[in-house]
Amino acid sequence: MRISVLGGDGYCGWATALHLSARGHTVSIVDNFTRRLWDYELGVQTLTPIRPMPERLRAWEQLRGNRIDLFTGDVTDYDFLCSALKEFRPDAIVHFAEQRSAPYSMIDRKHAVSTQVNNIVGTMNVLFAMREFLPDCHLVKLGTMGEYGTPNIDIEEGYITIEHEGRKDTLPYPKQPGSFYHLSKVHDSHNILFSCRIWGLRATDLNQGVVYGTVTDEIELDECLINRFDYDEVFGTVLNRFCVQAAMGHPLTVYGKGGQTRGYLDIRDTVRCVEIACLNPAAPGECRVYNQFTEQFSVMEIARLVQTASRKLGREVEIDHIPDPRVEAEQHYYNAKHSKLIDLGLEPHYLSSSLLDTLMNIALKYQDRVDVSNFMPQVNWRNPHNDRRKNSFAAVRAAGTPVAR
């Protein structure tokens, strides 16, 4: 297949582009590299030293002989997006090109607005471009389990059948997003469903859980291909933060009681799920929804797993409870269905078998790059005027830090 990966320089996008290329698909990447600039804006860096995109692509072509085309630009620029898609003519579009951090969207008004503009406008542009130039193309869009929130009933895969006043219907599952980022994803889902219904487009919405790991078969081939490992409070995950804290002998910082429960999956399962969706496209007019995760854990369960893994490496770490800067239920019911991708052939990797190899050992390998000041939260979701350390390009420039890799 011919597959365009929008946001192919990012964490999920890069691993997906390599996997699809290795599996024999013709791949293009569309990206404007804003994700790298956000690191400079926030004064943080990925634990792993990622290379510039041209260097990454040259290394991949030399190793595998597979060329990945690069289109540099912004998906919110409709003329650019149409030009890139018309030139490449994809059979499927994998859409990762969004601001993906809930804390980033909660810093202040500017960050909330930029998140929604980037995410919603970009997706709208993709839908209009498909209608105009690629009506048979299949959109594989990365959603999030965070669209659902934490309802006190089981979470179905996208739709729920209800009976009311003696009548029955199947409707989109109710959404209870917890941040302006998650709200942008809900708007995306509604816009995609609407476009499929009125224009006959085909789409698969992958509501993904928390992804972990930097290692895939392709990324293991060369250091030049290494993927991101974010551990800061804004773009990092709780699992990554705990692993880096453990590597440094720092207490694991649990927000509140630690009962917050979410779905998790290995990056190797992410790339496989995307390929499965591409190879099994939705029908014209159909908007499918898959819940993309393999296990679910509470924050305290994650902390204890990391604590146990650290002990095996001869490192004792404590668990500290700190005030939760987010507005979320600390104890709640959580049972989400996630069978459709397994029914299509996904063979999951599990955290218990990969925690040491894909997370703890990498945290130890690159511990000299750790900035411990990024462990504690600085974005308070109840305060719309957060004054984050180094939260502007002007502050970065004043500090003498370059603004491009």
Protein backbone atom coordinates (compact mmCIF):
# COMPACT_ATOMS: atom_id res chain seq x y z
CA MET A 1 0.00 0.00 0.00
CA ARG A 2 0.90 3.66 -0.29
CA ILE A 3 0.58 5.17 3.19
CA SER A 4 1.11 8.78 4.32
CA VAL A 5 2.06 9.20 7.98
CA LEU A 6 1.12 12.69 9.15
CA GLY A 7 3.27 13.64 12.14
CA GLY A 8 5.90 11.05 11.20
CA ASP A 9 8.68 12.75 13.21
CA GLY A 10 6.84 12.23 16.50
CA TYR A 11 6.98 9.34 18.94
CA CYS A 12 4.24 7.12 17.50
CA GLY A 13 4.59 8.47 13.97
CA TRP A 14 8.30 7.67 13.59
CA ALA A 15 7.96 4.10 14.85
CA THR A 16 4.91 3.57 12.63
CA ALA A 17 6.59 4.93 9.49
CA LEU A 18 9.57 2.59 9.94
CA HIS A 19 7.36 -0.41 10.65
CA LEU A 20 5.18 0.16 7.60
CA SER A 21 8.24 0.70 5.40
CA ALA A 22 9.85 -2.49 6.72
CA ARG A 23 6.66 -4.41 5.93
CA GLY A 24 6.92 -3.43 2.28
CA HIS A 25 4.56 -0.47 2.10
CA THR A 26 5.53 2.73 0.25
CA VAL A 27 5.60 5.40 2.94
CA SER A 28 5.69 9.19 3.11
CA ILE A 29 6.09 11.39 6.18
CA VAL A 30 4.39 14.77 6.52
CA ASP A 31 5.68 16.91 9.39
CA ASN A 32 6.58 20.50 10.31
CA PHE A 33 8.82 19.48 13.30
CA THR A 34 6.88 21.60 15.78
CA ARG A 35 7.17 18.80 18.34
CA ARG A 36 10.91 19.44 18.55
CA LEU A 37 10.33 23.16 19.05
CA TRP A 38 7.96 22.50 21.94
CA ASP A 39 10.89 20.94 23.82
CA TYR A 40 12.77 24.22 23.54
CA GLU A 41 9.71 26.21 24.51
CA LEU A 42 9.34 24.16 27.71
CA GLY A 43 13.05 23.87 28.46
CA VAL A 44 13.06 20.07 28.33
CA GLN A 45 14.53 17.35 26.15
CA THR A 46 13.81 13.71 25.41
CA LEU A 47 15.93 11.32 27.47
CA THR A 48 17.14 9.65 24.29
CA PRO A 49 19.13 11.78 21.80
CA ILE A 50 17.00 11.78 18.66
CA ARG A 51 18.65 12.71 15.36
CA PRO A 52 17.53 15.27 12.73
CA MET A 53 15.01 13.84 10.27
CA PRO A 54 17.32 13.87 7.19
CA GLU A 55 19.88 11.85 9.15
CA ARG A 56 17.21 9.42 10.30
CA LEU A 57 15.91 8.87 6.77
CA ARG A 58 19.40 8.42 5.29
CA ALA A 59 20.22 5.81 7.93
CA TRP A 60 16.99 3.92 7.21
CA GLU A 61 17.57 3.91 3.46
CA GLN A 62 21.16 2.72 3.91
CA LEU A 63 20.13 -0.04 6.32
CA ARG A 64 17.08 -1.35 4.50
CA GLY A 65 17.23 0.14 1.02
CA ASN A 66 13.73 1.56 1.57
CA ARG A 67 13.12 5.21 0.76
CA ILE A 68 10.63 7.21 2.82
CA ASP A 69 9.49 10.43 1.14
CA LEU A 70 9.43 13.57 3.29
CA PHE A 71 7.00 16.46 2.87
CA THR A 72 7.85 19.34 5.22
CA GLY A 73 4.92 21.55 6.15
CA ASP A 74 1.92 22.10 8.40
CA VAL A 75 -1.35 20.17 8.01
CA THR A 76 -3.26 23.30 9.08
CA ASP A 77 -2.05 24.78 5.76
CA TYR A 78 -4.64 23.36 3.38
CA ASP A 79 -2.77 24.21 0.18
CA PHE A 80 0.38 22.49 1.42
CA LEU A 81 -1.53 19.42 2.61
CA CYS A 82 -3.37 19.06 -0.69
CA SER A 83 -0.12 19.38 -2.62
CA ALA A 84 1.57 16.68 -0.53
CA LEU A 85 -1.36 14.27 -0.79
CA LYS A 86 -1.93 14.82 -4.50
CA GLU A 87 1.75 14.16 -5.20
CA PHE A 88 1.95 10.99 -3.11
CA ARG A 89 -1.59 9.63 -3.74
CA PRO A 90 -1.88 7.45 -0.60
CA ASP A 91 -4.23 4.50 -0.19
CA ALA A 92 -4.31 5.25 3.54
CA ILE A 93 -3.55 8.30 5.67
CA VAL A 94 -2.29 7.67 9.21
CA HIS A 95 -2.96 10.86 11.15
CA PHE A 96 -0.67 11.55 14.14
CA ALA A 97 -0.13 15.25 13.39
CA GLU A 98 -1.63 16.69 16.55
CA GLN A 99 -0.56 18.34 19.80
CA ARG A 100 -0.92 15.29 22.05
CA SER A 101 -0.34 16.54 25.59
CA ALA A 102 -3.17 17.21 28.03
CA PRO A 103 -0.94 19.23 30.41
CA TYR A 104 0.32 21.37 27.51
CA SER A 105 -3.27 22.28 26.65
CA MET A 106 -3.89 23.31 30.28
CA ILE A 107 -0.94 25.70 30.72
CA ASP A 108 -2.94 28.81 29.84
CA ARG A 109 -5.37 30.27 27.30
CA LYS A 110 -2.77 30.47 24.53
CA HIS A 111 -1.83 26.82 24.80
CA ALA A 112 -5.45 25.70 25.04
CA VAL A 113 -6.37 27.66 21.91
CA SER A 114 -3.32 26.56 19.92
CA THR A 115 -4.02 22.93 20.79
CA GLN A 116 -7.58 23.08 19.55
CA VAL A 117 -6.74 25.08 16.43
CA ASN A 118 -3.89 22.76 15.47
CA ASN A 119 -5.78 19.54 16.11
CA ILE A 120 -9.26 20.39 14.87
CA VAL A 121 -8.22 22.44 11.81
CA GLY A 122 -5.63 19.87 10.80
CA THR A 123 -8.17 17.05 10.90
CA MET A 124 -10.76 19.13 9.06
CA ASN A 125 -8.20 19.83 6.33
CA VAL A 126 -7.48 16.12 5.98
CA LEU A 127 -11.18 15.34 5.64
CA PHE A 128 -11.77 18.02 3.00
CA ALA A 129 -8.66 16.96 1.08
CA MET A 130 -9.90 13.36 1.07
CA ARG A 131 -13.32 14.44 -0.17
CA GLU A 132 -11.82 16.53 -2.95
CA PHE A 133 -8.88 14.42 -4.14
CA LEU A 134 -8.87 11.01 -2.43
CA PRO A 135 -12.46 9.83 -1.90
CA ASP A 136 -11.42 6.15 -1.74
CA CYS A 137 -8.55 6.73 0.70
CA HIS A 138 -8.85 5.27 4.21
CA LEU A 139 -8.18 7.57 7.20
CA VAL A 140 -6.57 5.91 10.23
CA LYS A 141 -6.82 8.55 12.94
CA LEU A 142 -5.19 8.42 16.36
CA GLY A 143 -7.78 9.19 19.00
CA THR A 144 -7.42 8.67 22.74
CA MET A 145 -9.08 6.67 25.50
CA GLY A 146 -9.20 10.00 27.33
CA GLU A 147 -12.21 10.96 25.21
CA TYR A 148 -14.35 8.65 27.34
CA GLY A 149 -13.22 9.88 30.74
CA THR A 150 -13.95 7.53 33.64
CA PRO A 151 -17.66 6.63 33.50
CA ASN A 152 -19.21 4.36 36.12
CA ILE A 153 -20.18 1.82 33.42
CA ASP A 154 -18.13 -0.31 31.03
CA ILE A 155 -16.56 1.58 28.11
CA GLU A 156 -17.54 0.11 24.76
CA GLU A 157 -15.53 0.45 21.55
CA GLY A 158 -16.87 3.72 20.21
CA TYR A 159 -20.60 2.99 20.21
CA ILE A 160 -23.22 1.92 22.72
CA THR A 161 -26.69 0.43 22.18
CA ILE A 162 -29.31 1.96 24.45
CA GLU A 163 -33.02 1.58 25.05
CA HIS A 164 -35.11 4.61 25.94
CA GLU A 165 -38.87 4.98 26.19
CA GLY A 166 -39.37 1.63 24.48
CA ARG A 167 -37.06 2.35 21.54
CA LYS A 168 -33.51 1.14 20.83
CA ASP A 169 -30.61 2.74 18.94
CA THR A 170 -26.82 2.44 18.62
CA LEU A 171 -25.15 5.79 19.32
CA PRO A 172 -21.63 7.16 19.80
CA TYR A 173 -20.46 6.38 23.31
CA PRO A 174 -20.84 9.43 25.62
CA LYS A 175 -17.67 11.49 25.99
CA GLN A 176 -16.38 13.02 29.24
CA PRO A 177 -12.99 14.53 28.30
CA GLY A 178 -10.73 15.85 31.03
CA SER A 179 -8.67 18.56 29.29
CA PHE A 180 -8.76 20.94 26.34
CA TYR A 181 -6.55 18.43 24.50
CA HIS A 182 -9.04 15.61 25.07
CA LEU A 183 -11.84 17.95 24.02
CA SER A 184 -10.04 18.54 20.70
CA LYS A 185 -9.98 14.78 20.14
CA VAL A 186 -13.72 14.55 20.82
CA HIS A 187 -14.32 17.27 18.21
CA ASP A 188 -12.13 15.30 15.79
CA SER A 189 -14.19 12.17 16.35
CA HIS A 190 -17.44 14.01 15.71
CA ASN A 191 -16.08 15.66 12.56
CA ILE A 192 -14.81 12.33 11.21
CA LEU A 193 -18.10 10.55 11.91
CA PHE A 194 -20.05 13.37 10.27
CA SER A 195 -17.80 13.36 7.17
CA CYS A 196 -18.12 9.62 6.73
CA ARG A 197 -21.89 9.85 7.01
CA ILE A 198 -22.43 12.70 4.53
CA TRP A 199 -19.53 12.20 2.09
CA GLY A 200 -19.09 8.45 2.17
CA LEU A 201 -15.50 8.63 3.45
CA ARG A 202 -13.97 5.67 5.26
CA ALA A 203 -12.21 6.02 8.60
CA THR A 204 -10.89 4.09 11.59
CA ASP A 205 -10.60 6.01 14.86
CA LEU A 206 -8.03 4.38 17.16
CA ASN A 207 -8.71 5.37 20.76
CA GLN A 208 -5.26 4.70 22.14
CA GLY A 209 -4.18 4.24 25.72
CA VAL A 210 -0.85 5.27 27.25
CA VAL A 211 2.01 4.05 25.04
CA TYR A 212 5.36 2.95 26.46
CA GLY A 213 8.73 1.80 25.15
CA THR A 214 11.21 3.09 22.60
CA VAL A 215 12.14 -0.25 21.03
CA THR A 216 10.70 -1.78 17.88
CA ASP A 217 12.39 -4.27 15.54
CA GLU A 218 13.20 -1.42 13.16
CA ILE A 219 14.47 1.08 15.74
CA GLU A 220 16.81 -1.53 17.20
CA LEU A 221 18.75 -1.63 13.94
CA ASP A 222 20.78 1.54 14.52
CA GLU A 223 21.32 4.29 17.11
CA CYS A 224 20.41 6.87 14.43
CA LEU A 225 16.84 5.53 14.46
CA ILE A 226 16.26 5.84 18.21
CA ASN A 227 12.85 7.09 19.30
CA ARG A 228 11.75 9.63 21.91
CA PHE A 229 11.60 8.89 25.65
CA ASP A 230 9.72 11.80 27.26
CA TYR A 231 9.62 11.91 31.07
CA ASP A 232 8.81 15.56 31.85
CA GLU A 233 5.44 16.54 33.33
CA VAL A 234 4.03 17.93 30.08
CA PHE A 235 4.86 15.39 27.36
CA GLY A 236 6.13 12.52 29.48
CA THR A 237 4.03 9.60 30.69
CA VAL A 238 3.76 8.52 34.32
CA LEU A 239 5.49 5.23 33.48
CA ASN A 240 8.43 6.98 31.83
CA ARG A 241 8.72 9.41 34.75
CA PHE A 242 8.76 6.59 37.29
CA CYS A 243 11.45 4.69 35.35
CA VAL A 244 13.70 7.75 35.12
CA GLN A 245 13.12 8.63 38.77
CA ALA A 246 14.05 5.06 39.74
CA ALA A 247 17.22 5.24 37.62
CA MET A 248 18.22 8.37 39.56
CA GLY A 249 17.28 6.97 42.99
CA HIS A 250 14.52 9.57 43.27
CA PRO A 251 11.20 8.74 44.97
CA LEU A 252 8.38 7.87 42.56
CA THR A 253 5.97 10.82 42.61
CA VAL A 254 2.38 9.56 42.65
CA TYR A 255 -0.32 12.18 42.11
CA GLY A 256 -2.78 11.91 44.99
CA LYS A 257 -3.76 8.40 46.07
CA GLY A 258 -2.73 6.86 42.76
CA GLY A 259 -6.04 5.20 41.96
CA GLN A 260 -6.25 6.81 38.51
CA THR A 261 -6.61 3.86 36.08
CA ARG A 262 -5.89 3.88 32.35
CA GLY A 263 -5.17 1.52 29.46
CA TYR A 264 -1.55 0.88 28.39
CA LEU A 265 0.18 -0.65 25.37
CA ASP A 266 3.67 -1.27 24.05
CA ILE A 267 4.88 0.85 21.10
CA ARG A 268 5.37 -2.43 19.21
CA ASP A 269 1.64 -3.02 19.50
CA THR A 270 0.86 0.54 18.41
CA VAL A 271 2.63 0.09 15.07
CA ARG A 272 1.04 -3.30 14.52
CA CYS A 273 -2.44 -1.96 15.31
CA VAL A 274 -2.01 0.79 12.74
CA GLU A 275 -0.94 -1.68 10.08
CA ILE A 276 -3.85 -3.98 10.90
CA ALA A 277 -6.24 -1.04 10.48
CA CYS A 278 -4.65 -0.12 7.13
CA LEU A 279 -4.84 -3.69 5.82
CA ASN A 280 -8.48 -4.03 6.89
CA PRO A 281 -10.02 -0.73 5.79
CA ALA A 282 -13.42 0.54 6.80
CA ALA A 283 -16.20 0.42 4.24
CA PRO A 284 -17.25 3.62 2.41
CA GLY A 285 -19.37 5.68 4.79
CA GLU A 286 -18.15 3.74 7.82
CA CYS A 287 -16.42 5.29 10.85
CA ARG A 288 -15.06 2.44 12.96
CA VAL A 289 -13.74 2.91 16.48
CA TYR A 290 -11.21 0.58 18.10
CA ASN A 291 -10.01 0.90 21.69
CA GLN A 292 -6.25 0.48 21.27
CA PHE A 293 -4.66 -0.83 24.45
CA THR A 294 -3.73 -4.22 25.87
CA GLU A 295 -3.68 -3.84 29.68
CA GLN A 296 -5.00 -1.44 32.29
CA PHE A 297 -3.25 -0.29 35.46
CA SER A 298 -3.72 2.26 38.20
CA VAL A 299 -0.91 4.73 38.88
CA MET A 300 -0.12 2.92 42.14
CA GLU A 301 0.09 -0.41 40.32
CA ILE A 302 2.55 1.15 37.86
CA ALA A 303 4.60 2.58 40.76
CA ARG A 304 4.81 -0.82 42.45
CA LEU A 305 5.84 -2.53 39.18
CA VAL A 306 8.65 -0.01 38.70
CA GLN A 307 9.67 -0.36 42.34
CA THR A 308 9.92 -4.15 41.92
CA ALA A 309 11.86 -3.86 38.65
CA SER A 310 14.28 -1.41 40.30
CA ARG A 311 14.85 -3.83 43.15
CA LYS A 312 15.90 -6.51 40.64
CA LEU A 313 18.54 -4.05 39.42
CA GLY A 314 19.77 -3.49 42.97
CA ARG A 315 18.10 -0.11 43.41
CA GLU A 316 15.65 0.65 46.22
CA VAL A 317 13.23 3.50 45.55
CA GLU A 318 10.46 4.91 47.70
CA ILE A 319 6.97 5.99 46.64
CA ASP A 320 5.89 9.54 47.52
CA HIS A 321 2.34 10.85 47.28
CA ILE A 322 2.07 14.49 46.18
CA PRO A 323 -1.00 16.71 45.59
CA ASP A 324 -2.68 16.00 42.27
CA PRO A 325 -2.35 19.07 39.99
CA ARG A 326 -5.05 17.69 37.70
CA VAL A 327 -8.82 17.70 38.10
CA GLU A 328 -9.63 13.98 38.01
CA ALA A 329 -11.20 11.23 40.08
CA GLU A 330 -8.51 9.53 42.12
CA GLN A 331 -10.59 6.40 42.74
CA HIS A 332 -13.02 5.26 40.06
CA TYR A 333 -14.47 2.35 38.14
CA TYR A 334 -12.67 1.58 34.88
CA ASN A 335 -13.41 -1.31 32.55
CA ALA A 336 -12.89 -0.65 28.85
CA LYS A 337 -13.55 -3.18 26.07
CA HIS A 338 -10.65 -3.74 23.67
CA SER A 339 -11.23 -6.91 21.64
CA LYS A 340 -11.62 -5.77 18.04
CA LEU A 341 -7.90 -5.41 17.19
CA ILE A 342 -7.09 -8.72 18.87
CA ASP A 343 -9.85 -10.30 16.78
CA LEU A 344 -8.05 -8.94 13.68
CA GLY A 345 -4.76 -10.60 14.68
CA LEU A 346 -2.95 -8.40 17.23
CA GLU A 347 -0.63 -10.47 19.44
CA PRO A 348 0.02 -8.21 22.45
CA HIS A 349 3.24 -7.53 24.30
CA TYR A 350 2.81 -7.13 28.05
CA LEU A 351 4.43 -4.70 30.44
CA SER A 352 5.57 -7.42 32.83
CA SER A 353 7.85 -8.89 30.16
CA SER A 354 9.24 -5.62 28.77
CA LEU A 355 9.57 -3.24 31.72
CA LEU A 356 13.26 -3.93 32.31
CA ASP A 357 14.37 -4.27 28.68
CA THR A 358 12.48 -1.44 27.02
CA LEU A 359 12.23 1.06 29.86
CA MET A 360 14.43 0.63 32.92
CA ASN A 361 17.60 -0.25 31.04
CA ILE A 362 17.15 2.68 28.67
CA ALA A 363 16.57 5.02 31.61
CA LEU A 364 19.83 3.78 33.13
CA LYS A 365 21.73 4.00 29.84
CA TYR A 366 20.90 7.69 29.33
CA GLN A 367 20.72 8.82 32.97
CA ASP A 368 23.44 11.44 32.33
CA ARG A 369 20.83 13.34 30.26
CA VAL A 370 18.27 13.51 33.09
CA ASP A 371 17.12 16.89 34.40
CA VAL A 372 15.64 16.14 37.83
CA SER A 373 13.93 19.55 37.91
CA ASN A 374 11.41 18.14 35.41
CA PHE A 375 10.12 15.53 37.86
CA MET A 376 7.70 17.77 39.76
CA PRO A 377 4.49 19.18 38.24
CA GLN A 378 4.32 22.88 37.44
CA VAL A 379 1.07 23.02 35.44
CA ASN A 380 -1.90 23.43 37.79
CA TRP A 381 -5.09 22.54 35.91
CA ARG A 382 -7.20 24.68 38.25
CA ASN A 383 -5.18 27.77 37.32
CA PRO A 384 -5.51 29.09 33.75
CA HIS A 385 -2.47 31.39 34.19
CA ASN A 386 0.33 28.94 34.91
CA ASP A 387 3.74 30.55 35.09
CA ARG A 388 5.90 27.63 33.95
CA ARG A 389 9.65 27.81 34.16
CA LYS A 390 11.08 28.64 30.70
CA ASN A 391 7.69 28.64 29.05
CA SER A 392 8.44 30.97 26.15
CA PHE A 393 10.76 31.11 23.17
CA ALA A 394 11.98 34.48 24.43
CA ALA A 395 13.22 32.89 27.67
CA VAL A 396 14.92 30.12 25.71
CA ARG A 397 16.71 32.59 23.45
CA ALA A 398 17.74 34.67 26.48
CA ALA A 399 19.30 31.53 27.97
CA GLY A 400 21.38 31.07 24.84
CA THR A 401 19.76 27.79 23.81
CA PRO A 402 19.39 27.17 20.05
CA VAL A 403 15.82 26.88 18.79
CA ALA A 404 16.41 24.21 16.14
CA ARG A 405 18.16 20.88 16.27
